[in-house]
Amino acid sequence: MELQQVAPGLWRWTASHPEWEPPKDVDSPADWPREVGCVAYDSGETLVLVDPLVVDGDFSALDTLAKGKQNVAVLVTVKFHERSRDEVKRRYDASDKVPGAVEEFEIAGSGERIFWIPEHRALVPGDRILGDRPPGLRMCPESWLRHLGGYTQDDLRIGLQPLLGLPVELVLVSHGEPVLHDGRAALERALE
């Protein structure tokens, strides 16, 4: 596993998802890149891991970050991103409580919570905001919402509006390329 430092104390890594299969249809629920993004944030008191995926037992980079940390938190944005959550929690005796240095935005009806790291002006979504042509973002396809009983992209657009009130610089997406500057403008374009 190779961590990419995007800011002091903030890293992103990607890993090949073991359950990935080539999609049959564009924008189907199975249409996502094999490489998925994960985030590590050292808040000083707590090492926060968001949607972690560890492949082939390669914990070396995370072990280095966790060394000497009394508190580790493992946060999951959406149920489909439980990935290596349980294994990581056991390894680091981690909690699933959101630490004070991180804010949680529950996107009503969407089945997702998005995390905000104020120190770095970083937004960490799961499946509702995706990377698009750099440096862009897009909302997830309508098909990704079909398991939510009538929840639509219009509902999602409304649910994501409060995020525009944040001074977003980084958007560390799980699917696609992250936005590493001027994230609020990219988010605004995605919600038009």
N, C-alpha and C. Protein backbone atom coordinates (compact mmCIF):
# COMPACT_ATOMS: atom_id res chain seq x y z
N MET A 1 0.86 -1.18 0.00
CA MET A 1 0.00 0.00 0.00
C MET A 1 0.90 1.23 0.00
N GLU A 2 0.57 2.17 -0.86
CA GLU A 2 1.34 3.41 -0.93
C GLU A 2 0.42 4.59 -0.60
N LEU A 3 0.79 5.33 0.45
CA LEU A 3 0.00 6.48 0.86
C LEU A 3 0.45 7.71 0.08
N GLN A 4 -0.53 8.49 -0.37
CA GLN A 4 -0.24 9.77 -1.02
C GLN A 4 -0.60 10.86 -0.01
N GLN A 5 0.39 11.63 0.42
CA GLN A 5 0.11 12.71 1.36
C GLN A 5 -0.47 13.88 0.57
N VAL A 6 -1.69 14.28 0.92
CA VAL A 6 -2.35 15.39 0.22
C VAL A 6 -2.27 16.68 1.02
N ALA A 7 -1.92 16.57 2.30
CA ALA A 7 -1.72 17.72 3.19
C ALA A 7 -1.00 17.17 4.42
N PRO A 8 -0.38 18.02 5.23
CA PRO A 8 0.28 17.51 6.44
C PRO A 8 -0.72 16.75 7.33
N GLY A 9 -0.43 15.48 7.58
CA GLY A 9 -1.30 14.67 8.42
C GLY A 9 -2.53 14.13 7.71
N LEU A 10 -2.59 14.23 6.39
CA LEU A 10 -3.74 13.75 5.63
C LEU A 10 -3.25 12.98 4.42
N TRP A 11 -3.71 11.73 4.31
CA TRP A 11 -3.27 10.85 3.23
C TRP A 11 -4.46 10.20 2.55
N ARG A 12 -4.22 9.82 1.30
CA ARG A 12 -5.19 9.03 0.53
C ARG A 12 -4.42 7.88 -0.09
N TRP A 13 -5.06 6.72 -0.14
CA TRP A 13 -4.47 5.60 -0.86
C TRP A 13 -5.56 4.91 -1.65
N THR A 14 -5.13 4.18 -2.66
CA THR A 14 -6.08 3.39 -3.43
C THR A 14 -5.66 1.92 -3.34
N ALA A 15 -6.64 1.07 -3.49
CA ALA A 15 -6.41 -0.37 -3.48
C ALA A 15 -7.36 -1.02 -4.46
N SER A 16 -6.93 -2.11 -5.06
CA SER A 16 -7.78 -2.87 -5.97
C SER A 16 -8.83 -3.61 -5.16
N HIS A 17 -10.09 -3.32 -5.44
CA HIS A 17 -11.18 -3.95 -4.69
C HIS A 17 -11.28 -5.42 -5.11
N PRO A 18 -11.23 -6.35 -4.16
CA PRO A 18 -11.24 -7.78 -4.51
C PRO A 18 -12.55 -8.27 -5.13
N GLU A 19 -13.64 -7.54 -4.97
CA GLU A 19 -14.93 -7.97 -5.53
C GLU A 19 -15.25 -7.28 -6.85
N TRP A 20 -14.31 -6.49 -7.36
CA TRP A 20 -14.56 -5.74 -8.59
C TRP A 20 -14.67 -6.68 -9.79
N GLU A 21 -15.63 -6.37 -10.66
CA GLU A 21 -15.78 -7.06 -11.94
C GLU A 21 -16.01 -6.01 -12.99
N PRO A 22 -15.56 -6.26 -14.22
CA PRO A 22 -15.81 -5.27 -15.28
C PRO A 22 -17.32 -5.03 -15.44
N PRO A 23 -17.72 -3.77 -15.51
CA PRO A 23 -19.16 -3.48 -15.64
C PRO A 23 -19.69 -3.87 -17.01
N LYS A 24 -20.94 -4.31 -17.02
CA LYS A 24 -21.58 -4.65 -18.29
C LYS A 24 -22.25 -3.44 -18.91
N ASP A 25 -22.71 -2.50 -18.08
CA ASP A 25 -23.42 -1.32 -18.57
C ASP A 25 -22.83 -0.06 -17.94
N VAL A 26 -22.75 0.99 -18.75
CA VAL A 26 -22.29 2.29 -18.26
C VAL A 26 -23.29 2.83 -17.25
N ASP A 27 -22.78 3.38 -16.14
CA ASP A 27 -23.56 3.97 -15.07
C ASP A 27 -24.47 2.99 -14.33
N SER A 28 -24.20 1.69 -14.50
CA SER A 28 -24.93 0.70 -13.69
C SER A 28 -24.34 0.70 -12.28
N PRO A 29 -25.02 0.10 -11.30
CA PRO A 29 -24.45 0.04 -9.96
C PRO A 29 -23.08 -0.66 -9.91
N ALA A 30 -22.78 -1.47 -10.93
CA ALA A 30 -21.49 -2.16 -10.98
C ALA A 30 -20.42 -1.37 -11.74
N ASP A 31 -20.76 -0.17 -12.22
CA ASP A 31 -19.83 0.63 -13.02
C ASP A 31 -19.03 1.57 -12.12
N TRP A 32 -17.92 1.05 -11.60
CA TRP A 32 -17.00 1.83 -10.79
C TRP A 32 -15.60 1.28 -11.02
N PRO A 33 -14.58 2.13 -10.84
CA PRO A 33 -13.20 1.70 -11.10
C PRO A 33 -12.73 0.64 -10.11
N ARG A 34 -11.85 -0.23 -10.58
CA ARG A 34 -11.28 -1.29 -9.73
C ARG A 34 -10.56 -0.69 -8.52
N GLU A 35 -9.82 0.39 -8.74
CA GLU A 35 -9.09 1.06 -7.66
C GLU A 35 -10.06 1.95 -6.88
N VAL A 36 -10.14 1.74 -5.58
CA VAL A 36 -11.02 2.56 -4.74
C VAL A 36 -10.17 3.35 -3.75
N GLY A 37 -10.64 4.55 -3.42
CA GLY A 37 -9.90 5.45 -2.55
C GLY A 37 -10.26 5.29 -1.08
N CYS A 38 -9.26 5.48 -0.23
CA CYS A 38 -9.39 5.41 1.21
C CYS A 38 -8.62 6.60 1.80
N VAL A 39 -8.96 7.00 3.02
CA VAL A 39 -8.36 8.20 3.61
C VAL A 39 -7.85 7.90 5.02
N ALA A 40 -6.69 8.49 5.35
CA ALA A 40 -6.13 8.46 6.70
C ALA A 40 -5.88 9.90 7.12
N TYR A 41 -6.28 10.22 8.35
CA TYR A 41 -6.11 11.58 8.88
C TYR A 41 -5.60 11.49 10.31
N ASP A 42 -4.48 12.14 10.57
CA ASP A 42 -3.92 12.20 11.91
C ASP A 42 -4.34 13.53 12.53
N SER A 43 -5.29 13.47 13.43
CA SER A 43 -5.81 14.69 14.04
C SER A 43 -4.95 15.14 15.22
N GLY A 44 -3.90 14.42 15.50
CA GLY A 44 -3.08 14.69 16.68
C GLY A 44 -3.42 13.71 17.78
N GLU A 45 -4.67 13.69 18.18
CA GLU A 45 -5.11 12.75 19.21
C GLU A 45 -5.55 11.42 18.64
N THR A 46 -6.09 11.43 17.42
CA THR A 46 -6.69 10.22 16.85
C THR A 46 -6.24 10.04 15.41
N LEU A 47 -5.93 8.80 15.05
CA LEU A 47 -5.74 8.45 13.65
C LEU A 47 -7.11 8.01 13.13
N VAL A 48 -7.60 8.73 12.13
CA VAL A 48 -8.92 8.46 11.57
C VAL A 48 -8.74 7.79 10.21
N LEU A 49 -9.37 6.64 10.04
CA LEU A 49 -9.32 5.92 8.77
C LEU A 49 -10.73 5.87 8.21
N VAL A 50 -10.91 6.38 6.98
CA VAL A 50 -12.24 6.43 6.36
C VAL A 50 -12.28 5.43 5.21
N ASP A 51 -13.26 4.53 5.27
CA ASP A 51 -13.48 3.50 4.24
C ASP A 51 -12.21 2.72 3.92
N PRO A 52 -11.47 2.23 4.93
CA PRO A 52 -10.20 1.58 4.64
C PRO A 52 -10.37 0.25 3.90
N LEU A 53 -9.49 0.03 2.94
CA LEU A 53 -9.38 -1.25 2.26
C LEU A 53 -7.91 -1.65 2.30
N VAL A 54 -7.66 -2.81 2.91
CA VAL A 54 -6.31 -3.35 3.00
C VAL A 54 -6.32 -4.67 2.23
N VAL A 55 -5.43 -4.77 1.25
CA VAL A 55 -5.38 -5.95 0.38
C VAL A 55 -4.15 -6.78 0.72
N ASP A 56 -4.31 -8.07 0.73
CA ASP A 56 -3.21 -9.02 0.96
C ASP A 56 -2.50 -8.78 2.28
N GLY A 57 -3.21 -8.30 3.28
CA GLY A 57 -2.63 -8.12 4.61
C GLY A 57 -1.52 -7.09 4.69
N ASP A 58 -1.44 -6.18 3.72
CA ASP A 58 -0.37 -5.17 3.69
C ASP A 58 -0.75 -3.98 4.57
N PHE A 59 -0.46 -4.11 5.86
CA PHE A 59 -0.77 -3.07 6.83
C PHE A 59 0.42 -2.16 7.11
N SER A 60 1.53 -2.35 6.43
CA SER A 60 2.77 -1.67 6.80
C SER A 60 2.62 -0.15 6.89
N ALA A 61 2.01 0.48 5.91
CA ALA A 61 1.86 1.94 5.93
C ALA A 61 0.94 2.38 7.06
N LEU A 62 -0.15 1.65 7.27
CA LEU A 62 -1.07 2.01 8.35
C LEU A 62 -0.44 1.74 9.72
N ASP A 63 0.36 0.68 9.82
CA ASP A 63 1.06 0.40 11.07
C ASP A 63 1.96 1.57 11.44
N THR A 64 2.65 2.13 10.44
CA THR A 64 3.52 3.27 10.68
C THR A 64 2.73 4.47 11.19
N LEU A 65 1.58 4.75 10.56
CA LEU A 65 0.74 5.87 11.00
C LEU A 65 0.17 5.64 12.41
N ALA A 66 -0.19 4.41 12.71
CA ALA A 66 -0.85 4.09 13.98
C ALA A 66 0.14 3.95 15.13
N LYS A 67 1.43 3.83 14.82
CA LYS A 67 2.43 3.62 15.87
C LYS A 67 2.40 4.78 16.87
N GLY A 68 2.25 4.42 18.12
CA GLY A 68 2.22 5.42 19.19
C GLY A 68 0.87 6.10 19.38
N LYS A 69 -0.12 5.80 18.54
CA LYS A 69 -1.45 6.40 18.68
C LYS A 69 -2.28 5.59 19.67
N GLN A 70 -2.83 6.27 20.66
CA GLN A 70 -3.71 5.60 21.61
C GLN A 70 -5.12 5.44 21.04
N ASN A 71 -5.48 6.37 20.14
CA ASN A 71 -6.84 6.34 19.58
C ASN A 71 -6.80 6.19 18.07
N VAL A 72 -7.56 5.22 17.59
CA VAL A 72 -7.78 5.02 16.15
C VAL A 72 -9.28 4.91 15.96
N ALA A 73 -9.79 5.62 14.96
CA ALA A 73 -11.22 5.54 14.62
C ALA A 73 -11.36 5.07 13.18
N VAL A 74 -12.27 4.15 12.95
CA VAL A 74 -12.55 3.66 11.61
C VAL A 74 -13.97 4.10 11.26
N LEU A 75 -14.08 4.95 10.25
CA LEU A 75 -15.37 5.50 9.83
C LEU A 75 -15.74 4.97 8.46
N VAL A 76 -17.03 4.72 8.27
CA VAL A 76 -17.53 4.19 7.01
C VAL A 76 -18.59 5.13 6.48
N THR A 77 -18.47 5.51 5.21
CA THR A 77 -19.40 6.47 4.62
C THR A 77 -20.73 5.83 4.23
N VAL A 78 -20.68 4.62 3.71
CA VAL A 78 -21.87 3.94 3.21
C VAL A 78 -21.68 2.43 3.42
N LYS A 79 -22.75 1.69 3.63
CA LYS A 79 -22.63 0.28 4.01
C LYS A 79 -21.80 -0.54 3.02
N PHE A 80 -21.77 -0.14 1.76
CA PHE A 80 -21.02 -0.89 0.76
C PHE A 80 -19.50 -0.70 0.93
N HIS A 81 -19.10 0.22 1.81
CA HIS A 81 -17.68 0.51 2.01
C HIS A 81 -17.15 -0.06 3.33
N GLU A 82 -17.81 -1.07 3.84
CA GLU A 82 -17.31 -1.69 5.06
C GLU A 82 -15.97 -2.37 4.83
N ARG A 83 -15.71 -2.77 3.61
CA ARG A 83 -14.40 -3.23 3.13
C ARG A 83 -13.61 -3.97 4.21
N SER A 84 -12.52 -3.37 4.68
CA SER A 84 -11.66 -4.00 5.69
C SER A 84 -11.94 -3.46 7.10
N ARG A 85 -13.09 -2.84 7.28
CA ARG A 85 -13.41 -2.19 8.55
C ARG A 85 -13.16 -3.07 9.77
N ASP A 86 -13.74 -4.26 9.78
CA ASP A 86 -13.65 -5.10 10.97
C ASP A 86 -12.21 -5.53 11.24
N GLU A 87 -11.48 -5.88 10.20
CA GLU A 87 -10.08 -6.30 10.36
C GLU A 87 -9.23 -5.13 10.89
N VAL A 88 -9.46 -3.94 10.38
CA VAL A 88 -8.72 -2.77 10.82
C VAL A 88 -9.07 -2.43 12.27
N LYS A 89 -10.34 -2.51 12.61
CA LYS A 89 -10.76 -2.23 13.99
C LYS A 89 -10.08 -3.18 14.97
N ARG A 90 -10.04 -4.47 14.63
CA ARG A 90 -9.39 -5.45 15.50
C ARG A 90 -7.89 -5.17 15.63
N ARG A 91 -7.24 -4.91 14.51
CA ARG A 91 -5.79 -4.72 14.52
C ARG A 91 -5.37 -3.55 15.39
N TYR A 92 -6.14 -2.45 15.36
CA TYR A 92 -5.75 -1.24 16.08
C TYR A 92 -6.64 -0.95 17.29
N ASP A 93 -7.47 -1.93 17.68
CA ASP A 93 -8.40 -1.73 18.79
C ASP A 93 -9.13 -0.40 18.61
N ALA A 94 -9.64 -0.21 17.41
CA ALA A 94 -10.24 1.06 17.01
C ALA A 94 -11.72 1.14 17.35
N SER A 95 -12.19 2.38 17.45
CA SER A 95 -13.61 2.63 17.66
C SER A 95 -14.23 3.04 16.32
N ASP A 96 -15.55 3.18 16.34
CA ASP A 96 -16.24 3.71 15.15
C ASP A 96 -16.90 5.04 15.48
N LYS A 97 -16.41 5.70 16.52
CA LYS A 97 -16.95 7.00 16.92
C LYS A 97 -16.24 8.10 16.17
N VAL A 98 -17.02 9.07 15.71
CA VAL A 98 -16.47 10.21 14.98
C VAL A 98 -15.77 11.12 15.99
N PRO A 99 -14.44 11.32 15.83
CA PRO A 99 -13.72 12.17 16.79
C PRO A 99 -14.06 13.65 16.58
N GLY A 100 -13.74 14.45 17.58
CA GLY A 100 -14.08 15.87 17.55
C GLY A 100 -13.47 16.64 16.39
N ALA A 101 -12.35 16.17 15.84
CA ALA A 101 -11.68 16.89 14.75
C ALA A 101 -12.35 16.64 13.40
N VAL A 102 -13.38 15.80 13.37
CA VAL A 102 -14.08 15.45 12.14
C VAL A 102 -15.57 15.71 12.34
N GLU A 103 -16.21 16.25 11.31
CA GLU A 103 -17.66 16.44 11.35
C GLU A 103 -18.32 15.46 10.40
N GLU A 104 -19.52 15.06 10.76
CA GLU A 104 -20.28 14.09 9.98
C GLU A 104 -21.52 14.78 9.41
N PHE A 105 -21.74 14.60 8.11
CA PHE A 105 -22.96 15.10 7.46
C PHE A 105 -23.77 13.91 6.99
N GLU A 106 -24.90 13.69 7.62
CA GLU A 106 -25.82 12.63 7.20
C GLU A 106 -26.65 13.21 6.05
N ILE A 107 -26.55 12.61 4.89
CA ILE A 107 -27.30 13.09 3.73
C ILE A 107 -28.65 12.36 3.77
N ALA A 108 -29.68 13.07 4.24
CA ALA A 108 -30.99 12.48 4.51
C ALA A 108 -31.49 11.62 3.35
N GLY A 109 -31.85 10.38 3.68
CA GLY A 109 -32.45 9.48 2.71
C GLY A 109 -31.47 8.81 1.77
N SER A 110 -30.20 9.24 1.77
CA SER A 110 -29.25 8.74 0.78
C SER A 110 -28.48 7.50 1.23
N GLY A 111 -28.61 7.13 2.51
CA GLY A 111 -27.86 5.99 3.01
C GLY A 111 -26.38 6.28 3.17
N GLU A 112 -26.00 7.54 3.18
CA GLU A 112 -24.59 7.89 3.26
C GLU A 112 -24.34 9.02 4.24
N ARG A 113 -23.19 8.96 4.85
CA ARG A 113 -22.70 10.08 5.63
C ARG A 113 -21.37 10.51 5.01
N ILE A 114 -21.19 11.79 4.91
CA ILE A 114 -19.99 12.38 4.32
C ILE A 114 -19.22 13.04 5.46
N PHE A 115 -17.92 12.86 5.46
CA PHE A 115 -17.10 13.42 6.54
C PHE A 115 -16.39 14.68 6.09
N TRP A 116 -16.29 15.63 7.02
CA TRP A 116 -15.66 16.92 6.79
C TRP A 116 -14.51 17.05 7.78
N ILE A 117 -13.33 17.36 7.25
CA ILE A 117 -12.14 17.56 8.07
C ILE A 117 -11.81 19.05 7.98
N PRO A 118 -12.30 19.85 8.94
CA PRO A 118 -12.13 21.30 8.86
C PRO A 118 -10.68 21.75 8.76
N GLU A 119 -9.78 21.10 9.49
CA GLU A 119 -8.37 21.50 9.49
C GLU A 119 -7.80 21.60 8.07
N HIS A 120 -8.23 20.69 7.20
CA HIS A 120 -7.72 20.65 5.83
C HIS A 120 -8.75 21.07 4.79
N ARG A 121 -9.92 21.51 5.27
CA ARG A 121 -11.01 21.86 4.37
C ARG A 121 -11.26 20.73 3.36
N ALA A 122 -11.29 19.51 3.91
CA ALA A 122 -11.39 18.30 3.09
C ALA A 122 -12.74 17.60 3.32
N LEU A 123 -13.39 17.28 2.23
CA LEU A 123 -14.64 16.54 2.23
C LEU A 123 -14.33 15.11 1.81
N VAL A 124 -14.90 14.12 2.53
CA VAL A 124 -14.65 12.72 2.22
C VAL A 124 -16.00 12.03 2.01
N PRO A 125 -16.46 11.95 0.74
CA PRO A 125 -17.72 11.25 0.43
C PRO A 125 -17.46 9.77 0.14
N GLY A 126 -18.55 9.03 0.05
CA GLY A 126 -18.45 7.61 -0.30
C GLY A 126 -18.90 7.36 -1.72
N ASP A 127 -20.21 7.10 -1.91
CA ASP A 127 -20.74 6.76 -3.23
C ASP A 127 -21.60 7.86 -3.85
N ARG A 128 -21.93 8.91 -3.13
CA ARG A 128 -22.87 9.89 -3.67
C ARG A 128 -22.20 10.99 -4.49
N ILE A 129 -20.90 11.22 -4.25
CA ILE A 129 -20.12 12.17 -5.04
C ILE A 129 -18.92 11.40 -5.58
N LEU A 130 -18.75 11.44 -6.89
CA LEU A 130 -17.70 10.68 -7.56
C LEU A 130 -16.74 11.61 -8.28
N GLY A 131 -15.53 11.13 -8.50
CA GLY A 131 -14.60 11.87 -9.33
C GLY A 131 -15.05 11.84 -10.77
N ASP A 132 -14.78 12.91 -11.49
CA ASP A 132 -15.13 13.01 -12.91
C ASP A 132 -13.89 13.49 -13.63
N ARG A 133 -14.04 13.93 -14.85
CA ARG A 133 -12.87 14.42 -15.57
C ARG A 133 -12.16 15.46 -14.72
N PRO A 134 -10.87 15.26 -14.43
CA PRO A 134 -10.14 16.17 -13.54
C PRO A 134 -10.20 17.61 -14.04
N PRO A 135 -10.32 18.55 -13.13
CA PRO A 135 -10.48 18.34 -11.69
C PRO A 135 -11.95 18.37 -11.32
N GLY A 136 -12.69 17.38 -11.68
CA GLY A 136 -14.13 17.46 -11.52
C GLY A 136 -14.75 16.46 -10.59
N LEU A 137 -16.03 16.68 -10.36
CA LEU A 137 -16.87 15.81 -9.56
C LEU A 137 -18.18 15.62 -10.28
N ARG A 138 -18.90 14.58 -9.91
CA ARG A 138 -20.26 14.36 -10.39
C ARG A 138 -21.04 13.63 -9.32
N MET A 139 -22.34 13.77 -9.38
CA MET A 139 -23.19 12.97 -8.50
C MET A 139 -23.21 11.55 -9.05
N CYS A 140 -23.48 10.60 -8.19
CA CYS A 140 -23.56 9.21 -8.65
C CYS A 140 -24.73 9.05 -9.62
N PRO A 141 -24.66 8.05 -10.49
CA PRO A 141 -25.78 7.80 -11.41
C PRO A 141 -27.06 7.43 -10.66
N GLU A 142 -28.16 7.70 -11.29
CA GLU A 142 -29.48 7.38 -10.70
C GLU A 142 -29.56 5.90 -10.30
N SER A 143 -28.96 5.02 -11.10
CA SER A 143 -29.04 3.58 -10.82
C SER A 143 -28.41 3.22 -9.47
N TRP A 144 -27.47 4.03 -9.00
CA TRP A 144 -26.83 3.75 -7.71
C TRP A 144 -27.77 4.03 -6.54
N LEU A 145 -28.90 4.66 -6.82
CA LEU A 145 -29.85 5.04 -5.76
C LEU A 145 -31.06 4.11 -5.71
N ARG A 146 -31.16 3.19 -6.65
CA ARG A 146 -32.40 2.42 -6.79
C ARG A 146 -32.74 1.57 -5.57
N HIS A 147 -31.77 1.22 -4.75
CA HIS A 147 -32.04 0.43 -3.55
C HIS A 147 -32.60 1.28 -2.41
N LEU A 148 -32.78 2.59 -2.66
CA LEU A 148 -33.22 3.51 -1.61
C LEU A 148 -34.71 3.83 -1.68
N GLY A 149 -35.48 3.04 -2.38
CA GLY A 149 -36.93 3.17 -2.37
C GLY A 149 -37.47 4.50 -2.88
N GLY A 150 -37.13 4.87 -4.10
CA GLY A 150 -37.69 6.07 -4.69
C GLY A 150 -36.85 7.33 -4.53
N TYR A 151 -35.74 7.24 -3.84
CA TYR A 151 -34.82 8.37 -3.68
C TYR A 151 -34.22 8.68 -5.05
N THR A 152 -34.23 9.95 -5.45
CA THR A 152 -33.81 10.33 -6.80
C THR A 152 -32.56 11.21 -6.77
N GLN A 153 -32.04 11.49 -7.95
CA GLN A 153 -30.91 12.42 -8.05
C GLN A 153 -31.33 13.82 -7.62
N ASP A 154 -32.58 14.19 -7.87
CA ASP A 154 -33.06 15.50 -7.39
C ASP A 154 -33.04 15.54 -5.87
N ASP A 155 -33.46 14.44 -5.22
CA ASP A 155 -33.39 14.36 -3.76
C ASP A 155 -31.95 14.47 -3.29
N LEU A 156 -31.06 13.80 -3.99
CA LEU A 156 -29.64 13.83 -3.64
C LEU A 156 -29.08 15.24 -3.79
N ARG A 157 -29.40 15.88 -4.88
CA ARG A 157 -28.93 17.25 -5.13
C ARG A 157 -29.35 18.18 -3.98
N ILE A 158 -30.60 18.04 -3.55
CA ILE A 158 -31.10 18.85 -2.43
C ILE A 158 -30.36 18.47 -1.14
N GLY A 159 -30.17 17.18 -0.91
CA GLY A 159 -29.49 16.72 0.29
C GLY A 159 -28.03 17.18 0.38
N LEU A 160 -27.39 17.35 -0.78
CA LEU A 160 -25.99 17.76 -0.80
C LEU A 160 -25.80 19.27 -0.72
N GLN A 161 -26.85 20.05 -0.90
CA GLN A 161 -26.74 21.51 -0.91
C GLN A 161 -26.04 22.10 0.32
N PRO A 162 -26.29 21.60 1.54
CA PRO A 162 -25.61 22.19 2.70
C PRO A 162 -24.09 22.13 2.61
N LEU A 163 -23.55 21.20 1.84
CA LEU A 163 -22.10 21.10 1.71
C LEU A 163 -21.51 22.32 1.00
N LEU A 164 -22.34 23.02 0.22
CA LEU A 164 -21.87 24.21 -0.48
C LEU A 164 -21.58 25.36 0.48
N GLY A 165 -22.04 25.25 1.70
CA GLY A 165 -21.76 26.26 2.72
C GLY A 165 -20.40 26.08 3.38
N LEU A 166 -19.70 25.01 3.01
CA LEU A 166 -18.38 24.74 3.59
C LEU A 166 -17.29 25.31 2.68
N PRO A 167 -16.16 25.73 3.24
CA PRO A 167 -15.05 26.23 2.43
C PRO A 167 -14.19 25.06 1.91
N VAL A 168 -14.77 24.23 1.05
CA VAL A 168 -14.14 22.99 0.59
C VAL A 168 -12.95 23.30 -0.34
N GLU A 169 -11.82 22.72 0.00
CA GLU A 169 -10.64 22.80 -0.87
C GLU A 169 -10.36 21.45 -1.51
N LEU A 170 -10.43 20.36 -0.70
CA LEU A 170 -10.14 19.01 -1.18
C LEU A 170 -11.41 18.17 -1.13
N VAL A 171 -11.59 17.31 -2.14
CA VAL A 171 -12.67 16.32 -2.11
C VAL A 171 -12.01 14.98 -2.40
N LEU A 172 -11.91 14.15 -1.37
CA LEU A 172 -11.19 12.89 -1.45
C LEU A 172 -12.19 11.76 -1.70
N VAL A 173 -12.52 11.57 -2.97
CA VAL A 173 -13.55 10.62 -3.39
C VAL A 173 -13.07 9.18 -3.28
N SER A 174 -14.02 8.29 -3.19
CA SER A 174 -13.72 6.87 -3.17
C SER A 174 -13.59 6.31 -4.58
N HIS A 175 -14.36 6.86 -5.50
CA HIS A 175 -14.38 6.37 -6.88
C HIS A 175 -13.96 7.49 -7.82
N GLY A 176 -12.85 7.30 -8.50
CA GLY A 176 -12.36 8.31 -9.43
C GLY A 176 -11.23 9.12 -8.81
N GLU A 177 -10.85 10.18 -9.51
CA GLU A 177 -9.74 11.02 -9.07
C GLU A 177 -10.20 12.07 -8.06
N PRO A 178 -9.41 12.29 -7.03
CA PRO A 178 -9.77 13.32 -6.04
C PRO A 178 -9.59 14.71 -6.61
N VAL A 179 -10.25 15.66 -6.00
CA VAL A 179 -10.06 17.07 -6.32
C VAL A 179 -9.16 17.64 -5.23
N LEU A 180 -8.00 18.16 -5.62
CA LEU A 180 -6.99 18.58 -4.65
C LEU A 180 -6.86 20.09 -4.52
N HIS A 181 -7.68 20.83 -5.23
CA HIS A 181 -7.77 22.28 -5.03
C HIS A 181 -9.09 22.79 -5.60
N ASP A 182 -9.60 23.85 -4.96
CA ASP A 182 -10.85 24.48 -5.39
C ASP A 182 -12.02 23.49 -5.43
N GLY A 183 -12.11 22.67 -4.39
CA GLY A 183 -13.15 21.66 -4.32
C GLY A 183 -14.56 22.20 -4.28
N ARG A 184 -14.75 23.37 -3.68
CA ARG A 184 -16.10 23.93 -3.62
C ARG A 184 -16.62 24.22 -5.01
N ALA A 185 -15.79 24.77 -5.89
CA ALA A 185 -16.22 25.06 -7.27
C ALA A 185 -16.57 23.77 -8.00
N ALA A 186 -15.76 22.72 -7.80
CA ALA A 186 -16.05 21.44 -8.44
C ALA A 186 -17.35 20.85 -7.92
N LEU A 187 -17.60 20.99 -6.62
CA LEU A 187 -18.85 20.50 -6.03
C LEU A 187 -20.03 21.29 -6.57
N GLU A 188 -19.89 22.59 -6.67
CA GLU A 188 -20.97 23.43 -7.20
C GLU A 188 -21.32 23.01 -8.63
N ARG A 189 -20.32 22.75 -9.45
CA ARG A 189 -20.58 22.31 -10.83
C ARG A 189 -21.29 20.97 -10.85
N ALA A 190 -20.92 20.07 -9.95
CA ALA A 190 -21.55 18.74 -9.90
C ALA A 190 -23.01 18.82 -9.51
N LEU A 191 -23.38 19.84 -8.73
CA LEU A 191 -24.76 19.94 -8.23
C LEU A 191 -25.65 20.83 -9.11
N GLU A 192 -25.11 21.37 -10.20
CA GLU A 192 -25.92 22.24 -11.08
C GLU A 192 -27.04 21.47 -11.73
